Amino acid sequence: MKYVFLYLIMINYIAFSMFHLDKKRARKNMRRISEKNLLTLCAFGGTFGAWLAMKNFNHKTNKTSFKIPFYIIAVIQLIIIFFVFRR
């Protein structure tokens, strides 16, 4: 369980950092990080870090084509967490 916790801390830190980097690149008109890669980080457990970055940097908050898969991933993860820890 300790390793799962450490993994989640790391993946959420990476997701937060990647969303922040993508926002910086967007402001400077530089090459961006693909939405596919950002959503992959979320799918691997970085949803909370990504959500914090979205709110903190106002990044991807108006793009419906990104928000729908993001929240689908979040709901699936919440369902998994519910069933794993319900005992």
Protein backbone atom coordinates (compact mmCIF):
# COMPACT_ATOMS: atom_id res chain seq x y z
CA MET A 1 0.00 0.00 0.00
CA LYS A 2 2.94 2.31 0.71
CA TYR A 3 4.15 1.93 -2.89
CA VAL A 4 0.71 2.73 -4.27
CA PHE A 5 0.66 5.92 -2.22
CA LEU A 6 4.15 6.91 -3.42
CA TYR A 7 3.17 6.15 -7.02
CA LEU A 8 0.08 8.35 -6.75
CA ILE A 9 2.11 11.22 -5.30
CA MET A 10 4.62 10.95 -8.15
CA ILE A 11 2.10 10.62 -10.99
CA ASN A 12 0.04 13.53 -9.68
CA TYR A 13 3.17 15.69 -9.37
CA ILE A 14 4.11 14.78 -12.95
CA ALA A 15 0.58 15.52 -14.21
CA PHE A 16 0.50 18.87 -12.42
CA SER A 17 3.92 19.76 -13.85
CA MET A 18 3.00 18.72 -17.40
CA PHE A 19 -0.21 20.77 -17.35
CA HIS A 20 1.78 23.74 -16.05
CA LEU A 21 4.41 23.28 -18.76
CA ASP A 22 1.71 23.03 -21.43
CA LYS A 23 0.17 26.27 -20.21
CA LYS A 24 3.56 28.02 -20.32
CA ARG A 25 4.12 26.75 -23.85
CA ALA A 26 0.64 27.89 -24.89
CA ARG A 27 1.37 31.43 -23.70
CA LYS A 28 4.66 31.51 -25.65
CA ASN A 29 3.18 29.91 -28.82
CA MET A 30 5.61 27.02 -28.52
CA ARG A 31 5.09 23.35 -29.34
CA ARG A 32 2.42 21.99 -26.98
CA ILE A 33 1.98 18.73 -25.10
CA SER A 34 -0.74 16.73 -26.83
CA GLU A 35 -4.10 16.30 -25.17
CA LYS A 36 -3.68 12.56 -25.65
CA ASN A 37 -0.54 12.62 -23.48
CA LEU A 38 -2.20 14.80 -20.84
CA LEU A 39 -5.20 12.48 -20.68
CA THR A 40 -2.89 9.44 -20.50
CA LEU A 41 -1.29 10.91 -17.39
CA CYS A 42 -4.78 11.30 -15.92
CA ALA A 43 -5.69 7.73 -16.81
CA PHE A 44 -2.59 6.45 -15.01
CA GLY A 45 -3.67 8.12 -11.78
CA GLY A 46 -2.72 11.77 -12.19
CA THR A 47 -6.28 13.07 -12.24
CA PHE A 48 -6.07 15.02 -8.98
CA GLY A 49 -2.81 16.75 -9.95
CA ALA A 50 -4.23 17.54 -13.37
CA TRP A 51 -7.43 18.93 -11.85
CA LEU A 52 -5.41 21.14 -9.48
CA ALA A 53 -3.35 22.45 -12.40
CA MET A 54 -6.47 23.05 -14.49
CA LYS A 55 -7.99 25.14 -11.72
CA ASN A 56 -4.76 26.86 -10.63
CA PHE A 57 -3.58 27.84 -14.13
CA ASN A 58 -7.02 28.08 -15.79
CA HIS A 59 -5.82 25.56 -18.34
CA LYS A 60 -8.14 23.45 -20.50
CA THR A 61 -11.13 24.62 -18.45
CA ASN A 62 -13.15 25.88 -21.43
CA LYS A 63 -12.36 23.10 -23.88
CA THR A 64 -15.29 20.68 -23.81
CA SER A 65 -13.53 18.16 -26.05
CA PHE A 66 -10.91 17.80 -23.31
CA LYS A 67 -13.14 18.10 -20.24
CA ILE A 68 -15.52 15.28 -21.22
CA PRO A 69 -12.84 12.54 -21.40
CA PHE A 70 -11.11 14.05 -18.36
CA TYR A 71 -14.23 13.77 -16.21
CA ILE A 72 -15.04 10.31 -17.59
CA ILE A 73 -11.59 9.17 -16.42
CA ALA A 74 -12.17 10.82 -13.03
CA VAL A 75 -15.54 9.10 -12.54
CA ILE A 76 -14.11 5.71 -13.50
CA GLN A 77 -11.28 6.18 -11.01
CA LEU A 78 -13.72 7.19 -8.26
CA ILE A 79 -15.79 4.07 -8.94
CA ILE A 80 -12.66 1.91 -8.74
CA ILE A 81 -11.59 3.58 -5.48
CA PHE A 82 -15.08 3.04 -4.04
CA PHE A 83 -15.05 -0.68 -4.83
CA VAL A 84 -11.46 -1.24 -3.67
CA PHE A 85 -11.87 0.51 -0.30
CA ARG A 86 -15.46 -0.35 0.48
CA ARG A 87 -14.65 -3.30 2.71
